[in-house]
Amino acid sequence: MILEASDNSRLAGVVSSVIQMPFVWRTFSRYSPDALRRSLAHHHELVTALAAPDPDWAESVMRSHVRAAWHAIRLRDGGDRASGPELSDQGSATADQPPL
């Protein structure tokens, strides 16, 4: 439903390459309680933005969600708190940046 509403083929490609059950489980199992609450809030806000319908808002929430997840995992793994990902429109992830 969300992918159809987005009408964004690149998003569909990124989601299909990233959202796999083992990946999702590994990610959630590494979240702190605060990170889990933030993630859930992002999900609720994304649904609200899609219902609005406001694609710019939905994109903003999704970018924030991915960035927050990237930081939560990095911090949990002892990553550098000061450095952060540079978000690009390339749709690829590296150790230094999330996939958006």
PDB file of N, CA and C in Angstrom:
ATOM      1  N   MET A   1       0.819  -1.189   0.000  1.00  0.00           N
ATOM      2  CA  MET A   1       0.000   0.000   0.000  1.00  0.00           C
ATOM      3  C   MET A   1       0.867   1.259   0.000  1.00  0.00           C
ATOM      4  N   ILE A   2       1.857   1.314   0.876  1.00  0.00           N
ATOM      5  CA  ILE A   2       2.704   2.493   0.968  1.00  0.00           C
ATOM      6  C   ILE A   2       3.519   2.665  -0.311  1.00  0.00           C
ATOM      7  N   LEU A   3       4.060   1.561  -0.813  1.00  0.00           N
ATOM      8  CA  LEU A   3       4.855   1.661  -2.038  1.00  0.00           C
ATOM      9  C   LEU A   3       4.008   2.117  -3.215  1.00  0.00           C
ATOM     10  N   GLU A   4       2.785   1.614  -3.306  1.00  0.00           N
ATOM     11  CA  GLU A   4       1.893   2.044  -4.383  1.00  0.00           C
ATOM     12  C   GLU A   4       1.555   3.521  -4.242  1.00  0.00           C
ATOM     13  N   ALA A   5       1.266   3.954  -3.032  1.00  0.00           N
ATOM     14  CA  ALA A   5       0.895   5.353  -2.799  1.00  0.00           C
ATOM     15  C   ALA A   5       2.058   6.295  -3.094  1.00  0.00           C
ATOM     16  N   SER A   6       3.271   5.812  -2.903  1.00  0.00           N
ATOM     17  CA  SER A   6       4.431   6.675  -3.131  1.00  0.00           C
ATOM     18  C   SER A   6       4.657   6.942  -4.613  1.00  0.00           C
ATOM     19  N   ASP A   7       4.246   6.002  -5.470  1.00  0.00           N
ATOM     20  CA  ASP A   7       4.461   6.116  -6.916  1.00  0.00           C
ATOM     21  C   ASP A   7       5.941   6.408  -7.203  1.00  0.00           C
ATOM     22  N   ASN A   8       6.805   5.746  -6.455  1.00  0.00           N
ATOM     23  CA  ASN A   8       8.247   5.974  -6.550  1.00  0.00           C
ATOM     24  C   ASN A   8       8.934   4.636  -6.795  1.00  0.00           C
ATOM     25  N   SER A   9       9.376   4.408  -8.019  1.00  0.00           N
ATOM     26  CA  SER A   9       9.988   3.126  -8.360  1.00  0.00           C
ATOM     27  C   SER A   9      11.311   2.913  -7.635  1.00  0.00           C
ATOM     28  N   ARG A  10      12.056   3.988  -7.396  1.00  0.00           N
ATOM     29  CA  ARG A  10      13.320   3.858  -6.674  1.00  0.00           C
ATOM     30  C   ARG A  10      13.081   3.399  -5.242  1.00  0.00           C
ATOM     31  N   LEU A  11      12.027   3.936  -4.616  1.00  0.00           N
ATOM     32  CA  LEU A  11      11.688   3.515  -3.260  1.00  0.00           C
ATOM     33  C   LEU A  11      11.371   2.020  -3.234  1.00  0.00           C
ATOM     34  N   ALA A  12      10.622   1.563  -4.207  1.00  0.00           N
ATOM     35  CA  ALA A  12      10.283   0.138  -4.271  1.00  0.00           C
ATOM     36  C   ALA A  12      11.545  -0.714  -4.363  1.00  0.00           C
ATOM     37  N   GLY A  13      12.520  -0.263  -5.151  1.00  0.00           N
ATOM     38  CA  GLY A  13      13.778  -0.995  -5.271  1.00  0.00           C
ATOM     39  C   GLY A  13      14.560  -1.019  -3.977  1.00  0.00           C
ATOM     40  N   VAL A  14      14.612   0.119  -3.302  1.00  0.00           N
ATOM     41  CA  VAL A  14      15.340   0.198  -2.032  1.00  0.00           C
ATOM     42  C   VAL A  14      14.664  -0.688  -0.987  1.00  0.00           C
ATOM     43  N   VAL A  15      13.352  -0.599  -0.905  1.00  0.00           N
ATOM     44  CA  VAL A  15      12.621  -1.393   0.082  1.00  0.00           C
ATOM     45  C   VAL A  15      12.815  -2.882  -0.172  1.00  0.00           C
ATOM     46  N   SER A  16      12.710  -3.298  -1.424  1.00  0.00           N
ATOM     47  CA  SER A  16      12.847  -4.726  -1.709  1.00  0.00           C
ATOM     48  C   SER A  16      14.257  -5.230  -1.429  1.00  0.00           C
ATOM     49  N   SER A  17      15.258  -4.363  -1.547  1.00  0.00           N
ATOM     50  CA  SER A  17      16.627  -4.798  -1.273  1.00  0.00           C
ATOM     51  C   SER A  17      16.982  -4.717   0.207  1.00  0.00           C
ATOM     52  N   VAL A  18      16.253  -3.935   0.972  1.00  0.00           N
ATOM     53  CA  VAL A  18      16.597  -3.721   2.381  1.00  0.00           C
ATOM     54  C   VAL A  18      15.653  -4.450   3.328  1.00  0.00           C
ATOM     55  N   ILE A  19      14.387  -4.451   3.038  1.00  0.00           N
ATOM     56  CA  ILE A  19      13.404  -5.002   3.974  1.00  0.00           C
ATOM     57  C   ILE A  19      13.276  -6.509   3.765  1.00  0.00           C
ATOM     58  N   GLN A  20      14.087  -7.195   4.485  1.00  0.00           N
ATOM     59  CA  GLN A  20      14.051  -8.647   4.518  1.00  0.00           C
ATOM     60  C   GLN A  20      13.939  -9.013   5.988  1.00  0.00           C
ATOM     61  N   MET A  21      13.183 -10.029   6.285  1.00  0.00           N
ATOM     62  CA  MET A  21      12.893 -10.351   7.680  1.00  0.00           C
ATOM     63  C   MET A  21      14.144 -10.516   8.537  1.00  0.00           C
ATOM     64  N   PRO A  22      15.182 -11.227   8.095  1.00  0.00           N
ATOM     65  CA  PRO A  22      16.371 -11.315   8.955  1.00  0.00           C
ATOM     66  C   PRO A  22      16.990  -9.942   9.231  1.00  0.00           C
ATOM     67  N   PHE A  23      16.996  -9.075   8.229  1.00  0.00           N
ATOM     68  CA  PHE A  23      17.530  -7.724   8.413  1.00  0.00           C
ATOM     69  C   PHE A  23      16.712  -6.953   9.430  1.00  0.00           C
ATOM     70  N   VAL A  24      15.404  -7.007   9.294  1.00  0.00           N
ATOM     71  CA  VAL A  24      14.517  -6.292  10.223  1.00  0.00           C
ATOM     72  C   VAL A  24      14.707  -6.823  11.639  1.00  0.00           C
ATOM     73  N   TRP A  25      14.786  -8.125  11.790  1.00  0.00           N
ATOM     74  CA  TRP A  25      14.957  -8.701  13.127  1.00  0.00           C
ATOM     75  C   TRP A  25      16.280  -8.274  13.737  1.00  0.00           C
ATOM     76  N   ARG A  26      17.365  -8.324  12.968  1.00  0.00           N
ATOM     77  CA  ARG A  26      18.667  -7.899  13.489  1.00  0.00           C
ATOM     78  C   ARG A  26      18.630  -6.434  13.907  1.00  0.00           C
ATOM     79  N   THR A  27      17.968  -5.619  13.115  1.00  0.00           N
ATOM     80  CA  THR A  27      17.892  -4.198  13.425  1.00  0.00           C
ATOM     81  C   THR A  27      17.133  -3.977  14.730  1.00  0.00           C
ATOM     82  N   PHE A  28      15.915  -4.518  14.829  1.00  0.00           N
ATOM     83  CA  PHE A  28      15.110  -4.298  16.031  1.00  0.00           C
ATOM     84  C   PHE A  28      15.760  -4.898  17.268  1.00  0.00           C
ATOM     85  N   SER A  29      16.444  -6.000  17.120  1.00  0.00           N
ATOM     86  CA  SER A  29      17.059  -6.626  18.294  1.00  0.00           C
ATOM     87  C   SER A  29      18.208  -5.785  18.846  1.00  0.00           C
ATOM     88  N   ARG A  30      18.712  -4.844  18.073  1.00  0.00           N
ATOM     89  CA  ARG A  30      19.804  -3.986  18.504  1.00  0.00           C
ATOM     90  C   ARG A  30      19.326  -2.612  18.985  1.00  0.00           C
ATOM     91  N   TYR A  31      18.034  -2.352  18.914  1.00  0.00           N
ATOM     92  CA  TYR A  31      17.492  -1.061  19.341  1.00  0.00           C
ATOM     93  C   TYR A  31      17.398  -0.981  20.860  1.00  0.00           C
ATOM     94  N   SER A  32      17.649   0.202  21.368  1.00  0.00           N
ATOM     95  CA  SER A  32      17.385   0.482  22.781  1.00  0.00           C
ATOM     96  C   SER A  32      15.881   0.719  22.921  1.00  0.00           C
ATOM     97  N   PRO A  33      15.369   0.735  24.145  1.00  0.00           N
ATOM     98  CA  PRO A  33      13.945   1.044  24.321  1.00  0.00           C
ATOM     99  C   PRO A  33      13.561   2.411  23.732  1.00  0.00           C
ATOM    100  N   ASP A  34      14.427   3.408  23.886  1.00  0.00           N
ATOM    101  CA  ASP A  34      14.139   4.732  23.305  1.00  0.00           C
ATOM    102  C   ASP A  34      14.101   4.680  21.785  1.00  0.00           C
ATOM    103  N   ALA A  35      15.020   3.947  21.185  1.00  0.00           N
ATOM    104  CA  ALA A  35      15.046   3.835  19.729  1.00  0.00           C
ATOM    105  C   ALA A  35      13.786   3.119  19.221  1.00  0.00           C
ATOM    106  N   LEU A  36      13.319   2.120  19.949  1.00  0.00           N
ATOM    107  CA  LEU A  36      12.084   1.426  19.561  1.00  0.00           C
ATOM    108  C   LEU A  36      10.882   2.369  19.621  1.00  0.00           C
ATOM    109  N   ARG A  37      10.808   3.181  20.673  1.00  0.00           N
ATOM    110  CA  ARG A  37       9.702   4.135  20.789  1.00  0.00           C
ATOM    111  C   ARG A  37       9.739   5.152  19.653  1.00  0.00           C
ATOM    112  N   ARG A  38      10.933   5.643  19.337  1.00  0.00           N
ATOM    113  CA  ARG A  38      11.078   6.606  18.248  1.00  0.00           C
ATOM    114  C   ARG A  38      10.673   5.974  16.915  1.00  0.00           C
ATOM    115  N   SER A  39      11.080   4.742  16.685  1.00  0.00           N
ATOM    116  CA  SER A  39      10.739   4.042  15.448  1.00  0.00           C
ATOM    117  C   SER A  39       9.230   3.886  15.311  1.00  0.00           C
ATOM    118  N   LEU A  40       8.581   3.507  16.384  1.00  0.00           N
ATOM    119  CA  LEU A  40       7.121   3.363  16.360  1.00  0.00           C
ATOM    120  C   LEU A  40       6.451   4.708  16.079  1.00  0.00           C
ATOM    121  N   ALA A  41       6.953   5.766  16.687  1.00  0.00           N
ATOM    122  CA  ALA A  41       6.404   7.106  16.434  1.00  0.00           C
ATOM    123  C   ALA A  41       6.580   7.482  14.963  1.00  0.00           C
ATOM    124  N   HIS A  42       7.730   7.146  14.382  1.00  0.00           N
ATOM    125  CA  HIS A  42       7.938   7.407  12.949  1.00  0.00           C
ATOM    126  C   HIS A  42       6.908   6.652  12.106  1.00  0.00           C
ATOM    127  N   HIS A  43       6.651   5.406  12.450  1.00  0.00           N
ATOM    128  CA  HIS A  43       5.673   4.615  11.696  1.00  0.00           C
ATOM    129  C   HIS A  43       4.288   5.259  11.754  1.00  0.00           C
ATOM    130  N   HIS A  44       3.894   5.694  12.941  1.00  0.00           N
ATOM    131  CA  HIS A  44       2.592   6.357  13.086  1.00  0.00           C
ATOM    132  C   HIS A  44       2.543   7.654  12.279  1.00  0.00           C
ATOM    133  N   GLU A  45       3.611   8.430  12.343  1.00  0.00           N
ATOM    134  CA  GLU A  45       3.642   9.687  11.602  1.00  0.00           C
ATOM    135  C   GLU A  45       3.645   9.446  10.099  1.00  0.00           C
ATOM    136  N   LEU A  46       4.309   8.404   9.652  1.00  0.00           N
ATOM    137  CA  LEU A  46       4.324   8.077   8.225  1.00  0.00           C
ATOM    138  C   LEU A  46       2.916   7.740   7.732  1.00  0.00           C
ATOM    139  N   VAL A  47       2.181   6.973   8.504  1.00  0.00           N
ATOM    140  CA  VAL A  47       0.798   6.648   8.132  1.00  0.00           C
ATOM    141  C   VAL A  47      -0.039   7.924   8.054  1.00  0.00           C
ATOM    142  N   THR A  48       0.145   8.817   9.014  1.00  0.00           N
ATOM    143  CA  THR A  48      -0.588  10.082   9.016  1.00  0.00           C
ATOM    144  C   THR A  48      -0.239  10.924   7.797  1.00  0.00           C
ATOM    145  N   ALA A  49       1.050  10.988   7.457  1.00  0.00           N
ATOM    146  CA  ALA A  49       1.489  11.765   6.287  1.00  0.00           C
ATOM    147  C   ALA A  49       0.932  11.183   4.999  1.00  0.00           C
ATOM    148  N   LEU A  50       0.886   9.863   4.894  1.00  0.00           N
ATOM    149  CA  LEU A  50       0.333   9.227   3.695  1.00  0.00           C
ATOM    150  C   LEU A  50      -1.172   9.446   3.594  1.00  0.00           C
ATOM    151  N   ALA A  51      -1.845   9.468   4.727  1.00  0.00           N
ATOM    152  CA  ALA A  51      -3.295   9.691   4.725  1.00  0.00           C
ATOM    153  C   ALA A  51      -3.631  11.142   4.418  1.00  0.00           C
ATOM    154  N   ALA A  52      -2.684  12.054   4.613  1.00  0.00           N
ATOM    155  CA  ALA A  52      -2.941  13.495   4.461  1.00  0.00           C
ATOM    156  C   ALA A  52      -3.467  13.909   3.079  1.00  0.00           C
ATOM    157  N   PRO A  53      -3.105  13.486   1.941  1.00  0.00           N
ATOM    158  CA  PRO A  53      -1.833  12.907   1.529  1.00  0.00           C
ATOM    159  C   PRO A  53      -0.812  14.008   1.281  1.00  0.00           C
ATOM    160  N   ASP A  54       0.357  13.829   1.855  1.00  0.00           N
ATOM    161  CA  ASP A  54       1.425  14.823   1.730  1.00  0.00           C
ATOM    162  C   ASP A  54       2.738  14.090   1.474  1.00  0.00           C
ATOM    163  N   PRO A  55       3.101  13.903   0.198  1.00  0.00           N
ATOM    164  CA  PRO A  55       4.301  13.129  -0.114  1.00  0.00           C
ATOM    165  C   PRO A  55       5.588  13.750   0.419  1.00  0.00           C
ATOM    166  N   ASP A  56       5.651  15.065   0.496  1.00  0.00           N
ATOM    167  CA  ASP A  56       6.860  15.701   1.030  1.00  0.00           C
ATOM    168  C   ASP A  56       7.030  15.379   2.516  1.00  0.00           C
ATOM    169  N   TRP A  57       5.931  15.420   3.240  1.00  0.00           N
ATOM    170  CA  TRP A  57       5.957  15.069   4.661  1.00  0.00           C
ATOM    171  C   TRP A  57       6.353  13.598   4.823  1.00  0.00           C
ATOM    172  N   ALA A  58       5.746  12.728   4.028  1.00  0.00           N
ATOM    173  CA  ALA A  58       6.051  11.297   4.114  1.00  0.00           C
ATOM    174  C   ALA A  58       7.529  11.040   3.816  1.00  0.00           C
ATOM    175  N   GLU A  59       8.056  11.719   2.803  1.00  0.00           N
ATOM    176  CA  GLU A  59       9.478  11.557   2.484  1.00  0.00           C
ATOM    177  C   GLU A  59      10.351  12.023   3.645  1.00  0.00           C
ATOM    178  N   SER A  60       9.992  13.136   4.237  1.00  0.00           N
ATOM    179  CA  SER A  60      10.757  13.668   5.354  1.00  0.00           C
ATOM    180  C   SER A  60      10.763  12.700   6.538  1.00  0.00           C
ATOM    181  N   VAL A  61       9.607  12.140   6.833  1.00  0.00           N
ATOM    182  CA  VAL A  61       9.509  11.186   7.941  1.00  0.00           C
ATOM    183  C   VAL A  61      10.355   9.948   7.638  1.00  0.00           C
ATOM    184  N   MET A  62      10.269   9.459   6.411  1.00  0.00           N
ATOM    185  CA  MET A  62      11.012   8.259   6.050  1.00  0.00           C
ATOM    186  C   MET A  62      12.514   8.498   6.118  1.00  0.00           C
ATOM    187  N   ARG A  63      12.952   9.646   5.648  1.00  0.00           N
ATOM    188  CA  ARG A  63      14.384   9.974   5.742  1.00  0.00           C
ATOM    189  C   ARG A  63      14.817  10.062   7.201  1.00  0.00           C
ATOM    190  N   SER A  64      13.997  10.684   8.041  1.00  0.00           N
ATOM    191  CA  SER A  64      14.309  10.770   9.473  1.00  0.00           C
ATOM    192  C   SER A  64      14.357   9.382  10.108  1.00  0.00           C
ATOM    193  N   HIS A  65      13.431   8.534   9.704  1.00  0.00           N
ATOM    194  CA  HIS A  65      13.354   7.177  10.235  1.00  0.00           C
ATOM    195  C   HIS A  65      14.626   6.390   9.900  1.00  0.00           C
ATOM    196  N   VAL A  66      15.051   6.472   8.655  1.00  0.00           N
ATOM    197  CA  VAL A  66      16.253   5.745   8.232  1.00  0.00           C
ATOM    198  C   VAL A  66      17.485   6.301   8.929  1.00  0.00           C
ATOM    199  N   ARG A  67      17.577   7.612   9.000  1.00  0.00           N
ATOM    200  CA  ARG A  67      18.731   8.242   9.664  1.00  0.00           C
ATOM    201  C   ARG A  67      18.768   7.864  11.143  1.00  0.00           C
ATOM    202  N   ALA A  68      17.630   7.910  11.823  1.00  0.00           N
ATOM    203  CA  ALA A  68      17.583   7.554  13.248  1.00  0.00           C
ATOM    204  C   ALA A  68      17.965   6.090  13.455  1.00  0.00           C
ATOM    205  N   ALA A  69      17.490   5.217  12.575  1.00  0.00           N
ATOM    206  CA  ALA A  69      17.836   3.791  12.680  1.00  0.00           C
ATOM    207  C   ALA A  69      19.334   3.595  12.500  1.00  0.00           C
ATOM    208  N   TRP A  70      19.897   4.280  11.526  1.00  0.00           N
ATOM    209  CA  TRP A  70      21.327   4.177  11.262  1.00  0.00           C
ATOM    210  C   TRP A  70      22.126   4.591  12.499  1.00  0.00           C
ATOM    211  N   HIS A  71      21.732   5.719  13.099  1.00  0.00           N
ATOM    212  CA  HIS A  71      22.433   6.188  14.296  1.00  0.00           C
ATOM    213  C   HIS A  71      22.226   5.244  15.477  1.00  0.00           C
ATOM    214  N   ALA A  72      21.026   4.741  15.653  1.00  0.00           N
ATOM    215  CA  ALA A  72      20.747   3.841  16.774  1.00  0.00           C
ATOM    216  C   ALA A  72      21.612   2.593  16.700  1.00  0.00           C
ATOM    217  N   ILE A  73      21.743   2.044  15.515  1.00  0.00           N
ATOM    218  CA  ILE A  73      22.555   0.837  15.352  1.00  0.00           C
ATOM    219  C   ILE A  73      24.029   1.151  15.534  1.00  0.00           C
ATOM    220  N   ARG A  74      24.459   2.247  14.966  1.00  0.00           N
ATOM    221  CA  ARG A  74      25.869   2.641  15.098  1.00  0.00           C
ATOM    222  C   ARG A  74      26.253   2.912  16.541  1.00  0.00           C
ATOM    223  N   LEU A  75      25.384   3.615  17.258  1.00  0.00           N
ATOM    224  CA  LEU A  75      25.674   3.910  18.667  1.00  0.00           C
ATOM    225  C   LEU A  75      25.679   2.632  19.492  1.00  0.00           C
ATOM    226  N   ARG A  76      24.759   1.741  19.192  1.00  0.00           N
ATOM    227  CA  ARG A  76      24.671   0.477  19.914  1.00  0.00           C
ATOM    228  C   ARG A  76      25.926  -0.367  19.679  1.00  0.00           C
ATOM    229  N   ASP A  77      26.498  -0.241  18.482  1.00  0.00           N
ATOM    230  CA  ASP A  77      27.698  -1.000  18.128  1.00  0.00           C
ATOM    231  C   ASP A  77      28.982  -0.252  18.481  1.00  0.00           C
ATOM    232  N   GLY A  78      28.848   0.884  19.178  1.00  0.00           N
ATOM    233  CA  GLY A  78      30.022   1.631  19.593  1.00  0.00           C
ATOM    234  C   GLY A  78      30.553   2.575  18.539  1.00  0.00           C
ATOM    235  N   GLY A  79      29.706   2.959  17.595  1.00  0.00           N
ATOM    236  CA  GLY A  79      30.122   3.873  16.540  1.00  0.00           C
ATOM    237  C   GLY A  79      30.352   5.271  17.069  1.00  0.00           C
ATOM    238  N   ASP A  80      30.880   6.109  16.235  1.00  0.00           N
ATOM    239  CA  ASP A  80      31.202   7.487  16.581  1.00  0.00           C
ATOM    240  C   ASP A  80      29.928   8.313  16.719  1.00  0.00           C
ATOM    241  N   ARG A  81      29.722   8.937  17.856  1.00  0.00           N
ATOM    242  CA  ARG A  81      28.538   9.762  18.089  1.00  0.00           C
ATOM    243  C   ARG A  81      28.586  11.058  17.300  1.00  0.00           C
ATOM    244  N   ALA A  82      29.771  11.564  17.021  1.00  0.00           N
ATOM    245  CA  ALA A  82      29.893  12.878  16.396  1.00  0.00           C
ATOM    246  C   ALA A  82      29.639  12.841  14.894  1.00  0.00           C
ATOM    247  N   SER A  83      30.054  11.787  14.243  1.00  0.00           N
ATOM    248  CA  SER A  83      29.881  11.764  12.796  1.00  0.00           C
ATOM    249  C   SER A  83      28.515  11.210  12.455  1.00  0.00           C
ATOM    250  N   GLY A  84      28.007  11.621  11.336  1.00  0.00           N
ATOM    251  CA  GLY A  84      26.692  11.151  10.924  1.00  0.00           C
ATOM    252  C   GLY A  84      26.679  10.842   9.452  1.00  0.00           C
ATOM    253  N   PRO A  85      25.613  10.229   8.992  1.00  0.00           N
ATOM    254  CA  PRO A  85      25.531   9.856   7.592  1.00  0.00           C
ATOM    255  C   PRO A  85      25.254  11.064   6.718  1.00  0.00           C
ATOM    256  N   GLU A  86      25.752  11.021   5.543  1.00  0.00           N
ATOM    257  CA  GLU A  86      25.382  12.002   4.532  1.00  0.00           C
ATOM    258  C   GLU A  86      24.320  11.341   3.683  1.00  0.00           C
ATOM    259  N   LEU A  87      23.127  11.882   3.692  1.00  0.00           N
ATOM    260  CA  LEU A  87      22.048  11.289   2.926  1.00  0.00           C
ATOM    261  C   LEU A  87      22.173  11.688   1.472  1.00  0.00           C
ATOM    262  N   SER A  88      21.998  10.710   0.620  1.00  0.00           N
ATOM    263  CA  SER A  88      22.072  10.978  -0.814  1.00  0.00           C
ATOM    264  C   SER A  88      20.813  10.459  -1.477  1.00  0.00           C
ATOM    265  N   ASP A  89      20.658  10.772  -2.725  1.00  0.00           N
ATOM    266  CA  ASP A  89      19.534  10.264  -3.491  1.00  0.00           C
ATOM    267  C   ASP A  89      19.938   9.048  -4.309  1.00  0.00           C
ATOM    268  N   GLN A  90      21.055   8.460  -3.985  1.00  0.00           N
ATOM    269  CA  GLN A  90      21.565   7.341  -4.765  1.00  0.00           C
ATOM    270  C   GLN A  90      20.909   6.019  -4.396  1.00  0.00           C
ATOM    271  N   GLY A  91      20.313   5.916  -3.215  1.00  0.00           N
ATOM    272  CA  GLY A  91      19.630   4.687  -2.833  1.00  0.00           C
ATOM    273  C   GLY A  91      20.560   3.562  -2.417  1.00  0.00           C
ATOM    274  N   SER A  92      21.826   3.863  -2.147  1.00  0.00           N
ATOM    275  CA  SER A  92      22.750   2.811  -1.731  1.00  0.00           C
ATOM    276  C   SER A  92      23.228   3.094  -0.329  1.00  0.00           C
ATOM    277  N   ALA A  93      23.534   2.029   0.380  1.00  0.00           N
ATOM    278  CA  ALA A  93      24.008   2.172   1.742  1.00  0.00           C
ATOM    279  C   ALA A  93      25.465   1.766   1.816  1.00  0.00           C
ATOM    280  N   THR A  94      26.204   2.417   2.689  1.00  0.00           N
ATOM    281  CA  THR A  94      27.572   2.034   2.994  1.00  0.00           C
ATOM    282  C   THR A  94      27.683   2.011   4.501  1.00  0.00           C
ATOM    283  N   ALA A  95      28.862   1.666   4.989  1.00  0.00           N
ATOM    284  CA  ALA A  95      29.062   1.681   6.436  1.00  0.00           C
ATOM    285  C   ALA A  95      28.943   3.084   6.997  1.00  0.00           C
ATOM    286  N   ASP A  96      29.141   4.083   6.135  1.00  0.00           N
ATOM    287  CA  ASP A  96      29.109   5.468   6.594  1.00  0.00           C
ATOM    288  C   ASP A  96      27.824   6.205   6.275  1.00  0.00           C
ATOM    289  N   GLN A  97      26.902   5.595   5.562  1.00  0.00           N
ATOM    290  CA  GLN A  97      25.654   6.289   5.262  1.00  0.00           C
ATOM    291  C   GLN A  97      24.512   5.299   5.037  1.00  0.00           C
ATOM    292  N   PRO A  98      23.305   5.700   5.428  1.00  0.00           N
ATOM    293  CA  PRO A  98      22.132   4.846   5.255  1.00  0.00           C
ATOM    294  C   PRO A  98      21.661   4.843   3.796  1.00  0.00           C
ATOM    295  N   PRO A  99      20.710   3.970   3.475  1.00  0.00           N
ATOM    296  CA  PRO A  99      20.296   3.818   2.078  1.00  0.00           C
ATOM    297  C   PRO A  99      19.272   4.826   1.582  1.00  0.00           C
ATOM    298  N   LEU A 100      19.369   6.072   1.920  1.00  0.00           N
ATOM    299  CA  LEU A 100      18.456   7.090   1.354  1.00  0.00           C
ATOM    300  C   LEU A 100      19.155   8.393   1.207  1.00  0.00           C
TER     301      LEU A 100
END
